[in-house]
């Protein structure tokens, strides 16, 4: 086996072990929905903070 192939097989084994050690799997659609919900909330919070900050600036 060539050096590159050996490293690739070792890396694949390492990733497999890491995945197995990480716990049970989750449904992908549910995971993405949860992530999107959290991201949407953070984006809305930032937009709200920017609006509040711009309304507090003194006009010149």
PDB file of N, CA and C in Angstrom:
ATOM      1  N   UNK A   1       0.858  -1.181   0.000  1.00  0.00           N
ATOM      2  CA  UNK A   1       0.000   0.000   0.000  1.00  0.00           C
ATOM      3  C   UNK A   1       0.901   1.240   0.000  1.00  0.00           C
ATOM      4  N   UNK A   2       0.597   2.182  -0.869  1.00  0.00           N
ATOM      5  CA  UNK A   2       1.370   3.417  -0.967  1.00  0.00           C
ATOM      6  C   UNK A   2       1.173   4.256   0.287  1.00  0.00           C
ATOM      7  N   UNK A   3       2.122   5.148   0.520  1.00  0.00           N
ATOM      8  CA  UNK A   3       2.099   5.989   1.722  1.00  0.00           C
ATOM      9  C   UNK A   3       0.810   6.806   1.819  1.00  0.00           C
ATOM     10  N   UNK A   4       0.390   7.402   0.701  1.00  0.00           N
ATOM     11  CA  UNK A   4      -0.831   8.214   0.700  1.00  0.00           C
ATOM     12  C   UNK A   4      -2.040   7.372   1.080  1.00  0.00           C
ATOM     13  N   UNK A   5      -2.122   6.178   0.510  1.00  0.00           N
ATOM     14  CA  UNK A   5      -3.251   5.296   0.814  1.00  0.00           C
ATOM     15  C   UNK A   5      -3.251   4.890   2.279  1.00  0.00           C
ATOM     16  N   UNK A   6      -2.060   4.643   2.822  1.00  0.00           N
ATOM     17  CA  UNK A   6      -1.950   4.240   4.228  1.00  0.00           C
ATOM     18  C   UNK A   6      -2.440   5.366   5.136  1.00  0.00           C
ATOM     19  N   UNK A   7      -2.026   6.580   4.837  1.00  0.00           N
ATOM     20  CA  UNK A   7      -2.454   7.734   5.634  1.00  0.00           C
ATOM     21  C   UNK A   7      -3.961   7.924   5.497  1.00  0.00           C
ATOM     22  N   UNK A   8      -4.493   7.760   4.288  1.00  0.00           N
ATOM     23  CA  UNK A   8      -5.931   7.916   4.067  1.00  0.00           C
ATOM     24  C   UNK A   8      -6.727   6.891   4.861  1.00  0.00           C
ATOM     25  N   UNK A   9      -6.264   5.646   4.872  1.00  0.00           N
ATOM     26  CA  UNK A   9      -6.954   4.599   5.621  1.00  0.00           C
ATOM     27  C   UNK A   9      -6.872   4.886   7.114  1.00  0.00           C
ATOM     28  N   UNK A  10      -5.711   5.351   7.580  1.00  0.00           N
ATOM     29  CA  UNK A  10      -5.563   5.695   9.002  1.00  0.00           C
ATOM     30  C   UNK A  10      -6.485   6.853   9.376  1.00  0.00           C
ATOM     31  N   UNK A  11      -6.563   7.852   8.518  1.00  0.00           N
ATOM     32  CA  UNK A  11      -7.433   9.010   8.781  1.00  0.00           C
ATOM     33  C   UNK A  11      -8.895   8.585   8.791  1.00  0.00           C
ATOM     34  N   UNK A  12      -9.275   7.736   7.857  1.00  0.00           N
ATOM     35  CA  UNK A  12     -10.641   7.230   7.826  1.00  0.00           C
ATOM     36  C   UNK A  12     -10.962   6.472   9.114  1.00  0.00           C
ATOM     37  N   UNK A  13     -10.022   5.667   9.578  1.00  0.00           N
ATOM     38  CA  UNK A  13     -10.211   4.942  10.835  1.00  0.00           C
ATOM     39  C   UNK A  13     -10.345   5.883  12.020  1.00  0.00           C
ATOM     40  N   UNK A  14      -9.531   6.935  12.033  1.00  0.00           N
ATOM     41  CA  UNK A  14      -9.587   7.918  13.121  1.00  0.00           C
ATOM     42  C   UNK A  14     -10.935   8.632  13.126  1.00  0.00           C
ATOM     43  N   UNK A  15     -11.390   9.021  11.945  1.00  0.00           N
ATOM     44  CA  UNK A  15     -12.683   9.701  11.848  1.00  0.00           C
ATOM     45  C   UNK A  15     -13.829   8.778  12.247  1.00  0.00           C
ATOM     46  N   UNK A  16     -13.728   7.519  11.876  1.00  0.00           N
ATOM     47  CA  UNK A  16     -14.746   6.535  12.269  1.00  0.00           C
ATOM     48  C   UNK A  16     -14.808   6.440  13.788  1.00  0.00           C
ATOM     49  N   UNK A  17     -13.631   6.291  14.414  1.00  0.00           N
ATOM     50  CA  UNK A  17     -13.575   6.182  15.876  1.00  0.00           C
ATOM     51  C   UNK A  17     -14.137   7.431  16.545  1.00  0.00           C
ATOM     52  N   UNK A  18     -13.805   8.591  16.000  1.00  0.00           N
ATOM     53  CA  UNK A  18     -14.309   9.855  16.549  1.00  0.00           C
ATOM     54  C   UNK A  18     -15.831   9.917  16.453  1.00  0.00           C
ATOM     55  N   UNK A  19     -16.365   9.489  15.330  1.00  0.00           N
ATOM     56  CA  UNK A  19     -17.813   9.479  15.153  1.00  0.00           C
ATOM     57  C   UNK A  19     -18.501   8.521  16.107  1.00  0.00           C
ATOM     58  N   UNK A  20     -17.936   7.347  16.275  1.00  0.00           N
ATOM     59  CA  UNK A  20     -18.528   6.359  17.174  1.00  0.00           C
ATOM     60  C   UNK A  20     -18.486   6.846  18.623  1.00  0.00           C
ATOM     61  N   UNK A  21     -17.426   7.550  18.992  1.00  0.00           N
ATOM     62  CA  UNK A  21     -17.274   8.039  20.363  1.00  0.00           C
ATOM     63  C   UNK A  21     -18.153   9.256  20.647  1.00  0.00           C
ATOM     64  N   UNK A  22     -18.664   9.900  19.606  1.00  0.00           N
ATOM     65  CA  UNK A  22     -19.424  11.141  19.808  1.00  0.00           C
ATOM     66  C   UNK A  22     -20.850  10.902  20.289  1.00  0.00           C
ATOM     67  N   UNK A  23     -21.284   9.673  20.307  1.00  0.00           N
ATOM     68  CA  UNK A  23     -22.626   9.384  20.810  1.00  0.00           C
ATOM     69  C   UNK A  23     -23.575   8.987  19.701  1.00  0.00           C
ATOM     70  N   UNK A  24     -24.837   8.930  20.064  1.00  0.00           N
ATOM     71  CA  UNK A  24     -25.838   8.483  19.098  1.00  0.00           C
ATOM     72  C   UNK A  24     -26.076   9.545  18.027  1.00  0.00           C
ATOM     73  N   UNK A  25     -26.574   9.095  16.899  1.00  0.00           N
ATOM     74  CA  UNK A  25     -26.817  10.010  15.786  1.00  0.00           C
ATOM     75  C   UNK A  25     -28.093  10.814  16.023  1.00  0.00           C
ATOM     76  N   UNK A  26     -28.217  11.900  15.284  1.00  0.00           N
ATOM     77  CA  UNK A  26     -29.426  12.720  15.339  1.00  0.00           C
ATOM     78  C   UNK A  26     -29.971  12.857  13.922  1.00  0.00           C
ATOM     79  N   UNK A  27     -31.257  13.137  13.814  1.00  0.00           N
ATOM     80  CA  UNK A  27     -31.875  13.354  12.517  1.00  0.00           C
ATOM     81  C   UNK A  27     -31.335  14.646  11.908  1.00  0.00           C
ATOM     82  N   UNK A  28     -30.843  14.574  10.687  1.00  0.00           N
ATOM     83  CA  UNK A  28     -30.243  15.733  10.034  1.00  0.00           C
ATOM     84  C   UNK A  28     -31.201  16.893   9.863  1.00  0.00           C
ATOM     85  N   UNK A  29     -32.430  16.619   9.429  1.00  0.00           N
ATOM     86  CA  UNK A  29     -33.411  17.696   9.227  1.00  0.00           C
ATOM     87  C   UNK A  29     -33.726  18.408  10.540  1.00  0.00           C
ATOM     88  N   UNK A  30     -33.860  17.641  11.613  1.00  0.00           N
ATOM     89  CA  UNK A  30     -34.129  18.248  12.923  1.00  0.00           C
ATOM     90  C   UNK A  30     -32.939  19.080  13.392  1.00  0.00           C
ATOM     91  N   UNK A  31     -31.730  18.562  13.171  1.00  0.00           N
ATOM     92  CA  UNK A  31     -30.532  19.290  13.590  1.00  0.00           C
ATOM     93  C   UNK A  31     -30.419  20.612  12.837  1.00  0.00           C
ATOM     94  N   UNK A  32     -30.616  20.582  11.518  1.00  0.00           N
ATOM     95  CA  UNK A  32     -30.533  21.816  10.740  1.00  0.00           C
ATOM     96  C   UNK A  32     -31.642  22.793  11.112  1.00  0.00           C
ATOM     97  N   UNK A  33     -32.820  22.306  11.403  1.00  0.00           N
ATOM     98  CA  UNK A  33     -33.917  23.184  11.826  1.00  0.00           C
ATOM     99  C   UNK A  33     -33.576  23.867  13.146  1.00  0.00           C
ATOM    100  N   UNK A  34     -32.985  23.121  14.071  1.00  0.00           N
ATOM    101  CA  UNK A  34     -32.593  23.686  15.365  1.00  0.00           C
ATOM    102  C   UNK A  34     -31.500  24.741  15.179  1.00  0.00           C
ATOM    103  N   UNK A  35     -30.508  24.441  14.348  1.00  0.00           N
ATOM    104  CA  UNK A  35     -29.424  25.394  14.090  1.00  0.00           C
ATOM    105  C   UNK A  35     -29.973  26.649  13.420  1.00  0.00           C
ATOM    106  N   UNK A  36     -30.859  26.480  12.420  1.00  0.00           N
ATOM    107  CA  UNK A  36     -31.435  27.630  11.718  1.00  0.00           C
ATOM    108  C   UNK A  36     -32.241  28.501  12.663  1.00  0.00           C
ATOM    109  N   UNK A  37     -32.978  27.885  13.555  1.00  0.00           N
ATOM    110  CA  UNK A  37     -33.783  28.632  14.515  1.00  0.00           C
ATOM    111  C   UNK A  37     -32.894  29.488  15.417  1.00  0.00           C
ATOM    112  N   UNK A  38     -31.810  28.897  15.909  1.00  0.00           N
ATOM    113  CA  UNK A  38     -30.886  29.645  16.771  1.00  0.00           C
ATOM    114  C   UNK A  38     -30.216  30.775  15.994  1.00  0.00           C
ATOM    115  N   UNK A  39     -29.813  30.500  14.758  1.00  0.00           N
ATOM    116  CA  UNK A  39     -29.168  31.521  13.941  1.00  0.00           C
ATOM    117  C   UNK A  39     -30.133  32.656  13.617  1.00  0.00           C
ATOM    118  N   UNK A  40     -31.362  32.316  13.258  1.00  0.00           N
ATOM    119  CA  UNK A  40     -32.372  33.346  12.977  1.00  0.00           C
ATOM    120  C   UNK A  40     -32.597  34.247  14.191  1.00  0.00           C
ATOM    121  N   UNK A  41     -32.619  33.656  15.385  1.00  0.00           N
ATOM    122  CA  UNK A  41     -32.816  34.437  16.608  1.00  0.00           C
ATOM    123  C   UNK A  41     -31.642  35.385  16.836  1.00  0.00           C
ATOM    124  N   UNK A  42     -30.423  34.911  16.584  1.00  0.00           N
ATOM    125  CA  UNK A  42     -29.249  35.772  16.772  1.00  0.00           C
ATOM    126  C   UNK A  42     -29.228  36.908  15.757  1.00  0.00           C
ATOM    127  N   UNK A  43     -29.594  36.612  14.517  1.00  0.00           N
ATOM    128  CA  UNK A  43     -29.640  37.652  13.484  1.00  0.00           C
ATOM    129  C   UNK A  43     -30.682  38.703  13.853  1.00  0.00           C
ATOM    130  N   UNK A  44     -31.843  38.273  14.296  1.00  0.00           N
ATOM    131  CA  UNK A  44     -32.897  39.211  14.695  1.00  0.00           C
ATOM    132  C   UNK A  44     -32.441  40.061  15.876  1.00  0.00           C
ATOM    133  N   UNK A  45     -31.743  39.440  16.820  1.00  0.00           N
ATOM    134  CA  UNK A  45     -31.240  40.175  17.987  1.00  0.00           C
ATOM    135  C   UNK A  45     -30.236  41.236  17.560  1.00  0.00           C
ATOM    136  N   UNK A  46     -29.339  40.890  16.644  1.00  0.00           N
ATOM    137  CA  UNK A  46     -28.350  41.864  16.164  1.00  0.00           C
ATOM    138  C   UNK A  46     -29.022  43.024  15.444  1.00  0.00           C
ATOM    139  N   UNK A  47     -30.002  42.701  14.602  1.00  0.00           N
ATOM    140  CA  UNK A  47     -30.718  43.764  13.889  1.00  0.00           C
ATOM    141  C   UNK A  47     -31.416  44.685  14.872  1.00  0.00           C
ATOM    142  N   UNK A  48     -31.984  44.109  15.920  1.00  0.00           N
ATOM    143  CA  UNK A  48     -32.672  44.892  16.937  1.00  0.00           C
ATOM    144  C   UNK A  48     -31.686  45.795  17.674  1.00  0.00           C
ATOM    145  N   UNK A  49     -30.517  45.262  17.991  1.00  0.00           N
ATOM    146  CA  UNK A  49     -29.499  46.047  18.693  1.00  0.00           C
ATOM    147  C   UNK A  49     -29.012  47.199  17.822  1.00  0.00           C
ATOM    148  N   UNK A  50     -28.841  46.950  16.523  1.00  0.00           N
ATOM    149  CA  UNK A  50     -28.391  48.011  15.621  1.00  0.00           C
ATOM    150  C   UNK A  50     -29.437  49.114  15.520  1.00  0.00           C
ATOM    151  N   UNK A  51     -30.727  48.725  15.466  1.00  0.00           N
ATOM    152  CA  UNK A  51     -31.795  49.734  15.407  1.00  0.00           C
ATOM    153  C   UNK A  51     -31.811  50.571  16.676  1.00  0.00           C
ATOM    154  N   UNK A  52     -31.653  49.922  17.821  1.00  0.00           N
ATOM    155  CA  UNK A  52     -31.665  50.647  19.096  1.00  0.00           C
ATOM    156  C   UNK A  52     -30.462  51.568  19.198  1.00  0.00           C
ATOM    157  N   UNK A  53     -29.310  51.096  18.763  1.00  0.00           N
ATOM    158  CA  UNK A  53     -28.094  51.902  18.832  1.00  0.00           C
ATOM    159  C   UNK A  53     -28.194  53.109  17.908  1.00  0.00           C
ATOM    160  N   UNK A  54     -28.755  52.927  16.731  1.00  0.00           N
ATOM    161  CA  UNK A  54     -28.859  54.050  15.796  1.00  0.00           C
ATOM    162  C   UNK A  54     -29.894  55.067  16.263  1.00  0.00           C
ATOM    163  N   UNK A  55     -30.884  54.632  17.018  1.00  0.00           N
ATOM    164  CA  UNK A  55     -31.890  55.581  17.505  1.00  0.00           C
ATOM    165  C   UNK A  55     -31.377  56.371  18.702  1.00  0.00           C
ATOM    166  N   UNK A  56     -30.308  55.890  19.345  1.00  0.00           N
ATOM    167  CA  UNK A  56     -29.753  56.595  20.505  1.00  0.00           C
ATOM    168  C   UNK A  56     -28.686  57.608  20.122  1.00  0.00           C
ATOM    169  N   UNK A  57     -28.206  57.559  18.874  1.00  0.00           N
ATOM    170  CA  UNK A  57     -27.159  58.489  18.454  1.00  0.00           C
ATOM    171  C   UNK A  57     -27.730  59.902  18.398  1.00  0.00           C
ATOM    172  N   UNK A  58     -27.003  60.849  18.962  1.00  0.00           N
ATOM    173  CA  UNK A  58     -27.490  62.238  18.891  1.00  0.00           C
ATOM    174  C   UNK A  58     -27.401  62.751  17.455  1.00  0.00           C
ATOM    175  N   UNK A  59     -28.401  63.487  17.037  1.00  0.00           N
ATOM    176  CA  UNK A  59     -28.387  64.045  15.680  1.00  0.00           C
ATOM    177  C   UNK A  59     -27.581  65.330  15.682  1.00  0.00           C
ATOM    178  N   UNK A  60     -26.964  65.601  14.567  1.00  0.00           N
ATOM    179  CA  UNK A  60     -26.124  66.806  14.463  1.00  0.00           C
ATOM    180  C   UNK A  60     -26.730  67.797  13.542  1.00  0.00           C
TER     181      UNK A  60
END
